[in-house]
Amino acid sequence: MNQGKWTRREFFRRSAVAGAVAIGGPVFLSACSEVPETGGDGAVNTLQRARDAGTIKIGIAGEIPYGFTEDGEVTGESPEVAKAVFEAMGIPNVEATQVEFGQLIPALNAGQFDMVAAGMAILPDRCANAAFSHVDYITPTAFLVPKGNPQQVLNFDDVKAKGVNLAVLSGTVEQQVAVALGVPDEQIQTYDGQPELLQALLANRAYAGALTDISLKALLEQNPDAALEVTDGFVPMVDGEEQIQAGGFVFRKGEDEILEAFNTELEKLQSSGRWLEIVKPFGFTEDNLPPDDVTTEQLCATA
């Protein structure tokens, strides 16, 4: 997934919540209490401020392979794509702050950073609180289960029917789908990060862990001695509707100018083939490119 190998020690090292790291640069202290210069024309101010400074602040959640810290630098699919897009926008430097996944949008709206680059699924409830870019990628859901999958748990219905415990990350689409499909609360275990989810499986507190297949394959690659395997990817159905795992970048509502500029350059990156070059080291392939009929507008619409 990464251009280098992640060690087990590096993987389990958690960055401090308030820590900020510049992609390709040194560690910075994040002024988390600083509110961006917004207002009536906040979109113009945010974009111009970033261009004038040559730097923009992003939020990540420490999730491999979407956005994580390695050797003091932030990398992953989302930060690397964001870096390329912002360079094309005339913003060469990117600083990152890591917070828990469920706190990314609140921290964004509180002004801790100007954009979320964390492989966040585009969901109606999230769209109500923030503005998503065009779709960055699509990916199926999968489970991490014991080798051989003795319980033959292949989807959320199997979790419910067989009464096994399911580990999910707090605030993720997997948690929401599990609840929507009627998995009992006592079978759902929520964790703040991938290391905790993995430990729940290794300690047999949970039988399966639900994430995107890309995340789980990366997790298993970094823990090859774990007696676990990743199930085939699938698209969950809720009330007859496919729950497509489509990720995007997240901006504050009302900041249309920076969002539109970002979307323009993201589309160029995807259509030119450079997007695939950037994301390939993190396990993404051409199959993860979003089709034309999967749009942010569609994903943000309520059922």
C-alpha atoms as a PDB file:
ATOM      1  CA  MET A   1       0.000   0.000   0.000  1.00  0.00           C
ATOM      2  CA  ASN A   2       2.758   2.391   0.853  1.00  0.00           C
ATOM      3  CA  GLN A   3       5.944   3.010  -1.039  1.00  0.00           C
ATOM      4  CA  GLY A   4       7.854   1.696   1.967  1.00  0.00           C
ATOM      5  CA  LYS A   5       7.048  -1.023   4.496  1.00  0.00           C
ATOM      6  CA  TRP A   6       5.201  -0.106   7.667  1.00  0.00           C
ATOM      7  CA  THR A   7       6.554  -1.762  10.784  1.00  0.00           C
ATOM      8  CA  ARG A   8       4.208  -3.084  13.440  1.00  0.00           C
ATOM      9  CA  ARG A   9       5.583  -0.506  15.876  1.00  0.00           C
ATOM     10  CA  GLU A  10       4.939   2.330  13.427  1.00  0.00           C
ATOM     11  CA  PHE A  11       1.449   1.078  12.719  1.00  0.00           C
ATOM     12  CA  PHE A  12       0.402   1.054  16.359  1.00  0.00           C
ATOM     13  CA  ARG A  13       1.948   4.423  17.086  1.00  0.00           C
ATOM     14  CA  ARG A  14      -0.869   6.925  17.410  1.00  0.00           C
ATOM     15  CA  SER A  15      -0.272  10.583  16.653  1.00  0.00           C
ATOM     16  CA  ALA A  16      -1.406  13.059  19.275  1.00  0.00           C
ATOM     17  CA  VAL A  17      -4.820  14.532  18.540  1.00  0.00           C
ATOM     18  CA  ALA A  18      -3.461  18.051  18.385  1.00  0.00           C
ATOM     19  CA  GLY A  19      -0.369  17.140  16.416  1.00  0.00           C
ATOM     20  CA  ALA A  20       0.011  18.489  12.916  1.00  0.00           C
ATOM     21  CA  VAL A  21       2.317  17.159  10.252  1.00  0.00           C
ATOM     22  CA  ALA A  22       3.226  18.598   6.884  1.00  0.00           C
ATOM     23  CA  ILE A  23       3.307  16.212   3.946  1.00  0.00           C
ATOM     24  CA  GLY A  24       6.924  15.948   2.926  1.00  0.00           C
ATOM     25  CA  GLY A  25       7.944  18.327   5.687  1.00  0.00           C
ATOM     26  CA  PRO A  26       8.612  18.725   9.419  1.00  0.00           C
ATOM     27  CA  VAL A  27       6.163  18.558  12.293  1.00  0.00           C
ATOM     28  CA  PHE A  28       4.131  21.709  12.932  1.00  0.00           C
ATOM     29  CA  LEU A  29       2.131  22.771  15.973  1.00  0.00           C
ATOM     30  CA  SER A  30      -1.520  23.189  15.088  1.00  0.00           C
ATOM     31  CA  ALA A  31      -3.368  26.262  16.246  1.00  0.00           C
ATOM     32  CA  CYS A  32      -6.546  24.294  16.923  1.00  0.00           C
ATOM     33  CA  SER A  33      -8.317  27.258  18.440  1.00  0.00           C
ATOM     34  CA  GLU A  34      -7.728  29.415  15.397  1.00  0.00           C
ATOM     35  CA  VAL A  35     -10.906  30.087  13.457  1.00  0.00           C
ATOM     36  CA  PRO A  36     -10.474  30.486   9.681  1.00  0.00           C
ATOM     37  CA  GLU A  37     -11.029  33.876   8.126  1.00  0.00           C
ATOM     38  CA  THR A  38     -14.506  33.273   6.862  1.00  0.00           C
ATOM     39  CA  GLY A  39     -17.608  35.386   6.769  1.00  0.00           C
ATOM     40  CA  GLY A  40     -19.950  36.487   4.043  1.00  0.00           C
ATOM     41  CA  ASP A  41     -17.421  35.552   1.375  1.00  0.00           C
ATOM     42  CA  GLY A  42     -15.669  32.853   3.379  1.00  0.00           C
ATOM     43  CA  ALA A  43     -15.059  30.754   0.262  1.00  0.00           C
ATOM     44  CA  VAL A  44     -12.960  33.488  -1.301  1.00  0.00           C
ATOM     45  CA  ASN A  45     -11.075  34.162   1.928  1.00  0.00           C
ATOM     46  CA  THR A  46     -10.211  30.527   2.574  1.00  0.00           C
ATOM     47  CA  LEU A  47      -8.917  29.877  -0.931  1.00  0.00           C
ATOM     48  CA  GLN A  48      -7.053  33.169  -1.173  1.00  0.00           C
ATOM     49  CA  ARG A  49      -5.614  32.806   2.316  1.00  0.00           C
ATOM     50  CA  ALA A  50      -4.273  29.359   1.448  1.00  0.00           C
ATOM     51  CA  ARG A  51      -2.802  30.592  -1.826  1.00  0.00           C
ATOM     52  CA  ASP A  52      -1.205  33.610  -0.151  1.00  0.00           C
ATOM     53  CA  ALA A  53       0.307  31.410   2.563  1.00  0.00           C
ATOM     54  CA  GLY A  54       1.170  28.583   0.177  1.00  0.00           C
ATOM     55  CA  THR A  55      -0.205  26.207   2.818  1.00  0.00           C
ATOM     56  CA  ILE A  56      -3.520  24.563   3.639  1.00  0.00           C
ATOM     57  CA  LYS A  57      -4.520  22.529   6.691  1.00  0.00           C
ATOM     58  CA  ILE A  58      -6.231  19.163   6.373  1.00  0.00           C
ATOM     59  CA  GLY A  59      -7.669  16.673   8.850  1.00  0.00           C
ATOM     60  CA  ILE A  60      -6.954  12.927   8.907  1.00  0.00           C
ATOM     61  CA  ALA A  61      -8.018  10.060  11.163  1.00  0.00           C
ATOM     62  CA  GLY A  62      -4.924   7.848  11.209  1.00  0.00           C
ATOM     63  CA  GLU A  63      -6.555   5.112   9.125  1.00  0.00           C
ATOM     64  CA  ILE A  64      -4.455   2.985   6.779  1.00  0.00           C
ATOM     65  CA  PRO A  65      -4.475   3.320   3.785  1.00  0.00           C
ATOM     66  CA  TYR A  66      -6.566   6.506   3.623  1.00  0.00           C
ATOM     67  CA  GLY A  67      -4.573   8.916   5.774  1.00  0.00           C
ATOM     68  CA  PHE A  68      -1.922   8.108   8.376  1.00  0.00           C
ATOM     69  CA  THR A  69       1.443   9.182   9.780  1.00  0.00           C
ATOM     70  CA  GLU A  70       4.654   7.339   8.927  1.00  0.00           C
ATOM     71  CA  ASP A  71       8.137   8.435  10.018  1.00  0.00           C
ATOM     72  CA  GLY A  72       6.807  11.825  11.024  1.00  0.00           C
ATOM     73  CA  GLU A  73       5.101  12.495   7.706  1.00  0.00           C
ATOM     74  CA  VAL A  74       1.486  12.169   6.648  1.00  0.00           C
ATOM     75  CA  THR A  75       0.724   9.919   3.704  1.00  0.00           C
ATOM     76  CA  GLY A  76      -2.072   7.724   2.404  1.00  0.00           C
ATOM     77  CA  GLU A  77      -4.440   7.812  -0.540  1.00  0.00           C
ATOM     78  CA  SER A  78      -6.381  10.903   0.499  1.00  0.00           C
ATOM     79  CA  PRO A  79      -3.499  13.172   1.591  1.00  0.00           C
ATOM     80  CA  GLU A  80      -1.448  12.268  -1.479  1.00  0.00           C
ATOM     81  CA  VAL A  81      -4.339  12.993  -3.850  1.00  0.00           C
ATOM     82  CA  ALA A  82      -5.062  16.212  -1.949  1.00  0.00           C
ATOM     83  CA  LYS A  83      -1.433  17.261  -2.210  1.00  0.00           C
ATOM     84  CA  ALA A  84      -1.461  16.827  -6.001  1.00  0.00           C
ATOM     85  CA  VAL A  85      -4.748  18.723  -6.329  1.00  0.00           C
ATOM     86  CA  PHE A  86      -3.621  21.611  -4.133  1.00  0.00           C
ATOM     87  CA  GLU A  87      -0.311  21.872  -5.984  1.00  0.00           C
ATOM     88  CA  ALA A  88      -2.310  22.377  -9.178  1.00  0.00           C
ATOM     89  CA  MET A  89      -4.303  25.056  -7.354  1.00  0.00           C
ATOM     90  CA  GLY A  90      -1.142  26.948  -6.418  1.00  0.00           C
ATOM     91  CA  ILE A  91      -0.963  25.690  -2.827  1.00  0.00           C
ATOM     92  CA  PRO A  92       2.266  23.669  -2.525  1.00  0.00           C
ATOM     93  CA  ASN A  93       2.246  22.812   1.197  1.00  0.00           C
ATOM     94  CA  VAL A  94      -0.221  20.700   3.175  1.00  0.00           C
ATOM     95  CA  GLU A  95      -0.302  20.439   6.985  1.00  0.00           C
ATOM     96  CA  ALA A  96      -2.317  17.668   8.634  1.00  0.00           C
ATOM     97  CA  THR A  97      -3.987  17.333  12.029  1.00  0.00           C
ATOM     98  CA  GLN A  98      -5.108  13.921  13.272  1.00  0.00           C
ATOM     99  CA  VAL A  99      -8.342  13.516  15.220  1.00  0.00           C
ATOM    100  CA  GLU A 100     -10.698  10.612  15.830  1.00  0.00           C
ATOM    101  CA  PHE A 101     -12.780   9.776  12.763  1.00  0.00           C
ATOM    102  CA  GLY A 102     -16.060  10.808  14.345  1.00  0.00           C
ATOM    103  CA  GLN A 103     -14.607  14.225  15.226  1.00  0.00           C
ATOM    104  CA  LEU A 104     -13.387  15.122  11.723  1.00  0.00           C
ATOM    105  CA  ILE A 105     -16.435  17.140  10.612  1.00  0.00           C
ATOM    106  CA  PRO A 106     -16.914  18.886  13.990  1.00  0.00           C
ATOM    107  CA  ALA A 107     -13.227  19.827  14.023  1.00  0.00           C
ATOM    108  CA  LEU A 108     -13.470  21.040  10.427  1.00  0.00           C
ATOM    109  CA  ASN A 109     -16.430  23.265  11.274  1.00  0.00           C
ATOM    110  CA  ALA A 110     -14.632  24.493  14.403  1.00  0.00           C
ATOM    111  CA  GLY A 111     -11.788  25.760  12.223  1.00  0.00           C
ATOM    112  CA  GLN A 112      -9.042  23.316  13.213  1.00  0.00           C
ATOM    113  CA  PHE A 113      -8.360  22.697   9.510  1.00  0.00           C
ATOM    114  CA  ASP A 114      -9.800  23.642   6.118  1.00  0.00           C
ATOM    115  CA  MET A 115     -10.516  20.241   4.580  1.00  0.00           C
ATOM    116  CA  VAL A 116     -10.866  16.586   5.562  1.00  0.00           C
ATOM    117  CA  ALA A 117      -8.709  14.106   3.628  1.00  0.00           C
ATOM    118  CA  ALA A 118      -9.540  10.829   5.348  1.00  0.00           C
ATOM    119  CA  GLY A 119     -11.354   8.604   2.867  1.00  0.00           C
ATOM    120  CA  MET A 120     -14.721   9.677   4.280  1.00  0.00           C
ATOM    121  CA  ALA A 121     -17.797   8.001   2.803  1.00  0.00           C
ATOM    122  CA  ILE A 122     -20.340  10.421   1.351  1.00  0.00           C
ATOM    123  CA  LEU A 123     -23.565  10.019   3.361  1.00  0.00           C
ATOM    124  CA  PRO A 124     -26.690  12.211   3.619  1.00  0.00           C
ATOM    125  CA  ASP A 125     -26.237  12.966   7.326  1.00  0.00           C
ATOM    126  CA  ARG A 126     -22.655  14.055   6.720  1.00  0.00           C
ATOM    127  CA  CYS A 127     -23.710  16.150   3.736  1.00  0.00           C
ATOM    128  CA  ALA A 128     -26.091  18.008   6.042  1.00  0.00           C
ATOM    129  CA  ASN A 129     -23.137  19.239   8.068  1.00  0.00           C
ATOM    130  CA  ALA A 130     -20.394  19.735   5.478  1.00  0.00           C
ATOM    131  CA  ALA A 131     -19.767  19.988   1.728  1.00  0.00           C
ATOM    132  CA  PHE A 132     -18.262  17.010  -0.112  1.00  0.00           C
ATOM    133  CA  SER A 133     -16.077  17.110  -3.192  1.00  0.00           C
ATOM    134  CA  HIS A 134     -16.759  15.047  -6.277  1.00  0.00           C
ATOM    135  CA  VAL A 135     -16.380  11.328  -5.601  1.00  0.00           C
ATOM    136  CA  ASP A 136     -12.737  10.390  -5.137  1.00  0.00           C
ATOM    137  CA  TYR A 137     -13.095   6.593  -5.174  1.00  0.00           C
ATOM    138  CA  ILE A 138     -15.505   3.698  -4.655  1.00  0.00           C
ATOM    139  CA  THR A 139     -14.768   0.506  -2.730  1.00  0.00           C
ATOM    140  CA  PRO A 140     -16.762  -2.443  -1.381  1.00  0.00           C
ATOM    141  CA  THR A 141     -17.273  -3.396   2.261  1.00  0.00           C
ATOM    142  CA  ALA A 142     -15.602  -6.517   3.671  1.00  0.00           C
ATOM    143  CA  PHE A 143     -15.059  -8.339   6.964  1.00  0.00           C
ATOM    144  CA  LEU A 144     -11.871  -9.367   8.731  1.00  0.00           C
ATOM    145  CA  VAL A 145     -12.543 -12.809  10.211  1.00  0.00           C
ATOM    146  CA  PRO A 146     -10.637 -15.827  11.600  1.00  0.00           C
ATOM    147  CA  LYS A 147      -8.809 -17.868   8.976  1.00  0.00           C
ATOM    148  CA  GLY A 148     -11.161 -20.283   7.306  1.00  0.00           C
ATOM    149  CA  ASN A 149     -14.117 -18.194   8.498  1.00  0.00           C
ATOM    150  CA  PRO A 150     -15.585 -21.131  10.457  1.00  0.00           C
ATOM    151  CA  GLN A 151     -18.862 -19.287  11.093  1.00  0.00           C
ATOM    152  CA  GLN A 152     -19.117 -18.394   7.377  1.00  0.00           C
ATOM    153  CA  VAL A 153     -19.957 -14.771   8.121  1.00  0.00           C
ATOM    154  CA  LEU A 154     -20.012 -13.021   4.757  1.00  0.00           C
ATOM    155  CA  ASN A 155     -22.383 -10.089   5.278  1.00  0.00           C
ATOM    156  CA  PHE A 156     -24.315  -8.165   7.935  1.00  0.00           C
ATOM    157  CA  ASP A 157     -27.273 -10.554   7.774  1.00  0.00           C
ATOM    158  CA  ASP A 158     -24.903 -13.380   8.728  1.00  0.00           C
ATOM    159  CA  VAL A 159     -23.660 -11.354  11.710  1.00  0.00           C
ATOM    160  CA  LYS A 160     -27.236 -10.944  12.911  1.00  0.00           C
ATOM    161  CA  ALA A 161     -28.325 -14.515  12.212  1.00  0.00           C
ATOM    162  CA  LYS A 162     -25.321 -16.200  13.808  1.00  0.00           C
ATOM    163  CA  GLY A 163     -25.117 -13.922  16.832  1.00  0.00           C
ATOM    164  CA  VAL A 164     -21.421 -13.092  16.500  1.00  0.00           C
ATOM    165  CA  ASN A 165     -19.870  -9.861  17.735  1.00  0.00           C
ATOM    166  CA  LEU A 166     -18.949  -7.267  15.104  1.00  0.00           C
ATOM    167  CA  ALA A 167     -16.182  -4.689  15.541  1.00  0.00           C
ATOM    168  CA  VAL A 168     -16.589  -1.348  13.731  1.00  0.00           C
ATOM    169  CA  LEU A 169     -14.983   2.070  13.890  1.00  0.00           C
ATOM    170  CA  SER A 170     -17.038   4.741  15.589  1.00  0.00           C
ATOM    171  CA  GLY A 171     -18.909   7.005  13.186  1.00  0.00           C
ATOM    172  CA  THR A 172     -18.261   4.921  10.073  1.00  0.00           C
ATOM    173  CA  VAL A 173     -20.703   3.800   7.412  1.00  0.00           C
ATOM    174  CA  GLU A 174     -20.188   0.182   8.536  1.00  0.00           C
ATOM    175  CA  GLN A 175     -21.550   1.051  11.963  1.00  0.00           C
ATOM    176  CA  GLN A 176     -24.564   2.780  10.414  1.00  0.00           C
ATOM    177  CA  VAL A 177     -25.290  -0.106   8.049  1.00  0.00           C
ATOM    178  CA  ALA A 178     -25.048  -2.657  10.866  1.00  0.00           C
ATOM    179  CA  VAL A 179     -27.617  -0.693  12.889  1.00  0.00           C
ATOM    180  CA  ALA A 180     -29.876  -0.134   9.859  1.00  0.00           C
ATOM    181  CA  LEU A 181     -29.885  -3.853   9.091  1.00  0.00           C
ATOM    182  CA  GLY A 182     -30.950  -4.726  12.602  1.00  0.00           C
ATOM    183  CA  VAL A 183     -27.740  -6.098  14.096  1.00  0.00           C
ATOM    184  CA  PRO A 184     -28.473  -5.968  17.859  1.00  0.00           C
ATOM    185  CA  ASP A 185     -26.616  -3.303  19.825  1.00  0.00           C
ATOM    186  CA  GLU A 186     -25.055  -5.904  22.084  1.00  0.00           C
ATOM    187  CA  GLN A 187     -23.343  -7.480  19.058  1.00  0.00           C
ATOM    188  CA  ILE A 188     -21.814  -4.215  17.814  1.00  0.00           C
ATOM    189  CA  GLN A 189     -18.523  -3.091  19.330  1.00  0.00           C
ATOM    190  CA  THR A 190     -17.234   0.382  18.427  1.00  0.00           C
ATOM    191  CA  TYR A 191     -13.576   1.377  18.462  1.00  0.00           C
ATOM    192  CA  ASP A 192     -11.726   4.621  17.820  1.00  0.00           C
ATOM    193  CA  GLY A 193      -9.107   3.234  15.446  1.00  0.00           C
ATOM    194  CA  GLN A 194      -7.843   0.291  13.429  1.00  0.00           C
ATOM    195  CA  PRO A 195      -5.336  -0.888  16.073  1.00  0.00           C
ATOM    196  CA  GLU A 196      -8.124  -1.244  18.638  1.00  0.00           C
ATOM    197  CA  LEU A 197     -10.373  -3.035  16.145  1.00  0.00           C
ATOM    198  CA  LEU A 198      -7.571  -5.460  15.300  1.00  0.00           C
ATOM    199  CA  GLN A 199      -6.871  -6.163  18.954  1.00  0.00           C
ATOM    200  CA  ALA A 200     -10.546  -6.943  19.534  1.00  0.00           C
ATOM    201  CA  LEU A 201     -10.335  -9.629  16.854  1.00  0.00           C
ATOM    202  CA  LEU A 202      -7.029 -11.017  18.076  1.00  0.00           C
ATOM    203  CA  ALA A 203      -8.393 -11.205  21.632  1.00  0.00           C
ATOM    204  CA  ASN A 204     -11.591 -12.917  20.393  1.00  0.00           C
ATOM    205  CA  ARG A 205     -13.785 -10.155  21.780  1.00  0.00           C
ATOM    206  CA  ALA A 206     -15.281  -9.852  18.289  1.00  0.00           C
ATOM    207  CA  TYR A 207     -15.586 -12.441  15.542  1.00  0.00           C
ATOM    208  CA  ALA A 208     -15.558 -10.023  12.593  1.00  0.00           C
ATOM    209  CA  GLY A 209     -14.379  -6.508  11.877  1.00  0.00           C
ATOM    210  CA  ALA A 210     -16.147  -4.431   9.219  1.00  0.00           C
ATOM    211  CA  LEU A 211     -14.354  -1.853   7.062  1.00  0.00           C
ATOM    212  CA  THR A 212     -13.676  -1.265   3.397  1.00  0.00           C
ATOM    213  CA  ASP A 213     -11.855  -4.140   1.763  1.00  0.00           C
ATOM    214  CA  ILE A 214      -8.905  -1.858   0.969  1.00  0.00           C
ATOM    215  CA  SER A 215      -8.513  -0.941   4.653  1.00  0.00           C
ATOM    216  CA  LEU A 216      -8.699  -4.542   5.819  1.00  0.00           C
ATOM    217  CA  LYS A 217      -6.233  -5.821   3.232  1.00  0.00           C
ATOM    218  CA  ALA A 218      -3.766  -3.121   4.290  1.00  0.00           C
ATOM    219  CA  LEU A 219      -4.322  -3.986   7.945  1.00  0.00           C
ATOM    220  CA  LEU A 220      -3.686  -7.674   7.302  1.00  0.00           C
ATOM    221  CA  GLU A 221      -0.636  -6.933   5.179  1.00  0.00           C
ATOM    222  CA  GLN A 222       0.928  -5.165   8.136  1.00  0.00           C
ATOM    223  CA  ASN A 223       0.040  -8.013  10.492  1.00  0.00           C
ATOM    224  CA  PRO A 224       0.866 -11.129   8.449  1.00  0.00           C
ATOM    225  CA  ASP A 225       1.136 -13.345  11.535  1.00  0.00           C
ATOM    226  CA  ALA A 226      -2.462 -12.698  12.526  1.00  0.00           C
ATOM    227  CA  ALA A 227      -4.625 -15.772  11.950  1.00  0.00           C
ATOM    228  CA  LEU A 228      -7.165 -13.680  10.074  1.00  0.00           C
ATOM    229  CA  GLU A 229      -8.426 -13.277   6.523  1.00  0.00           C
ATOM    230  CA  VAL A 230     -10.464 -10.747   4.544  1.00  0.00           C
ATOM    231  CA  THR A 231     -13.790 -11.840   3.084  1.00  0.00           C
ATOM    232  CA  ASP A 232     -14.829 -11.014  -0.466  1.00  0.00           C
ATOM    233  CA  GLY A 233     -16.016  -7.450  -0.865  1.00  0.00           C
ATOM    234  CA  PHE A 234     -19.744  -6.750  -1.129  1.00  0.00           C
ATOM    235  CA  VAL A 235     -22.168  -3.827  -1.383  1.00  0.00           C
ATOM    236  CA  PRO A 236     -24.695  -3.861   1.502  1.00  0.00           C
ATOM    237  CA  MET A 237     -28.382  -3.338   0.747  1.00  0.00           C
ATOM    238  CA  VAL A 238     -30.588  -1.277   3.079  1.00  0.00           C
ATOM    239  CA  ASP A 239     -34.291  -0.990   2.252  1.00  0.00           C
ATOM    240  CA  GLY A 240     -33.579  -2.185  -1.275  1.00  0.00           C
ATOM    241  CA  GLU A 241     -30.921   0.472  -1.857  1.00  0.00           C
ATOM    242  CA  GLU A 242     -27.239  -0.251  -2.452  1.00  0.00           C
ATOM    243  CA  GLN A 243     -25.050   1.357   0.197  1.00  0.00           C
ATOM    244  CA  ILE A 244     -22.228   2.364  -2.118  1.00  0.00           C
ATOM    245  CA  GLN A 245     -18.957   3.063  -0.359  1.00  0.00           C
ATOM    246  CA  ALA A 246     -17.875   6.222  -2.154  1.00  0.00           C
ATOM    247  CA  GLY A 247     -15.350   8.504  -0.526  1.00  0.00           C
ATOM    248  CA  GLY A 248     -14.673  12.180  -0.967  1.00  0.00           C
ATOM    249  CA  PHE A 249     -12.930  15.214   0.479  1.00  0.00           C
ATOM    250  CA  VAL A 250     -14.835  17.443   2.881  1.00  0.00           C
ATOM    251  CA  PHE A 251     -15.061  21.232   3.128  1.00  0.00           C
ATOM    252  CA  ARG A 252     -17.077  23.638   5.230  1.00  0.00           C
ATOM    253  CA  LYS A 253     -20.480  24.544   3.851  1.00  0.00           C
ATOM    254  CA  GLY A 254     -20.564  27.841   1.994  1.00  0.00           C
ATOM    255  CA  GLU A 255     -16.945  27.705   0.875  1.00  0.00           C
ATOM    256  CA  ASP A 256     -17.914  27.124  -2.732  1.00  0.00           C
ATOM    257  CA  GLU A 257     -14.918  28.711  -4.432  1.00  0.00           C
ATOM    258  CA  ILE A 258     -12.287  26.433  -2.911  1.00  0.00           C
ATOM    259  CA  LEU A 259     -14.601  23.424  -3.371  1.00  0.00           C
ATOM    260  CA  GLU A 260     -15.183  24.167  -7.047  1.00  0.00           C
ATOM    261  CA  ALA A 261     -11.478  24.765  -7.688  1.00  0.00           C
ATOM    262  CA  PHE A 262     -10.659  21.487  -5.941  1.00  0.00           C
ATOM    263  CA  ASN A 263     -13.285  19.579  -7.952  1.00  0.00           C
ATOM    264  CA  THR A 264     -11.899  20.937 -11.225  1.00  0.00           C
ATOM    265  CA  GLU A 265      -8.380  19.735 -10.486  1.00  0.00           C
ATOM    266  CA  LEU A 266      -9.566  16.415  -9.031  1.00  0.00           C
ATOM    267  CA  GLU A 267     -11.420  15.630 -12.258  1.00  0.00           C
ATOM    268  CA  LYS A 268      -8.317  16.467 -14.279  1.00  0.00           C
ATOM    269  CA  LEU A 269      -6.247  14.172 -12.066  1.00  0.00           C
ATOM    270  CA  GLN A 270      -8.672  11.281 -12.522  1.00  0.00           C
ATOM    271  CA  SER A 271      -9.132  11.688 -16.279  1.00  0.00           C
ATOM    272  CA  SER A 272      -5.400  12.080 -16.975  1.00  0.00           C
ATOM    273  CA  GLY A 273      -4.449   8.796 -15.340  1.00  0.00           C
ATOM    274  CA  ARG A 274      -2.276  10.501 -12.732  1.00  0.00           C
ATOM    275  CA  TRP A 275      -4.780   9.701  -9.979  1.00  0.00           C
ATOM    276  CA  LEU A 276      -4.187   5.994 -10.539  1.00  0.00           C
ATOM    277  CA  GLU A 277      -0.415   6.480 -10.335  1.00  0.00           C
ATOM    278  CA  ILE A 278      -0.777   8.280  -7.010  1.00  0.00           C
ATOM    279  CA  VAL A 279      -3.153   5.795  -5.364  1.00  0.00           C
ATOM    280  CA  LYS A 280      -1.728   2.520  -6.673  1.00  0.00           C
ATOM    281  CA  PRO A 281       0.865   2.201  -3.864  1.00  0.00           C
ATOM    282  CA  PHE A 282      -2.020   2.225  -1.371  1.00  0.00           C
ATOM    283  CA  GLY A 283      -3.867  -0.709  -2.932  1.00  0.00           C
ATOM    284  CA  PHE A 284      -6.254   1.178  -5.208  1.00  0.00           C
ATOM    285  CA  THR A 285      -6.822   0.118  -8.805  1.00  0.00           C
ATOM    286  CA  GLU A 286      -8.772   1.270 -11.832  1.00  0.00           C
ATOM    287  CA  ASP A 287     -11.787  -0.538 -10.351  1.00  0.00           C
ATOM    288  CA  ASN A 288     -11.861   2.086  -7.600  1.00  0.00           C
ATOM    289  CA  LEU A 289     -12.393   4.970 -10.018  1.00  0.00           C
ATOM    290  CA  PRO A 290     -15.957   6.261  -9.598  1.00  0.00           C
ATOM    291  CA  PRO A 291     -18.302   5.585 -12.535  1.00  0.00           C
ATOM    292  CA  ASP A 292     -20.133   8.544 -14.048  1.00  0.00           C
ATOM    293  CA  ASP A 293     -23.444   7.495 -12.486  1.00  0.00           C
ATOM    294  CA  VAL A 294     -22.106   7.661  -8.907  1.00  0.00           C
ATOM    295  CA  THR A 295     -22.181  11.332  -7.968  1.00  0.00           C
ATOM    296  CA  THR A 296     -21.936  13.357  -4.783  1.00  0.00           C
ATOM    297  CA  GLU A 297     -25.381  14.812  -5.422  1.00  0.00           C
ATOM    298  CA  GLN A 298     -26.855  11.322  -5.642  1.00  0.00           C
ATOM    299  CA  LEU A 299     -25.057  10.109  -2.526  1.00  0.00           C
ATOM    300  CA  CYS A 300     -26.039  13.178  -0.496  1.00  0.00           C
ATOM    301  CA  ALA A 301     -29.725  12.877  -1.385  1.00  0.00           C
ATOM    302  CA  THR A 302     -31.911  11.430   1.324  1.00  0.00           C
ATOM    303  CA  ALA A 303     -33.842   8.277   0.510  1.00  0.00           C
END
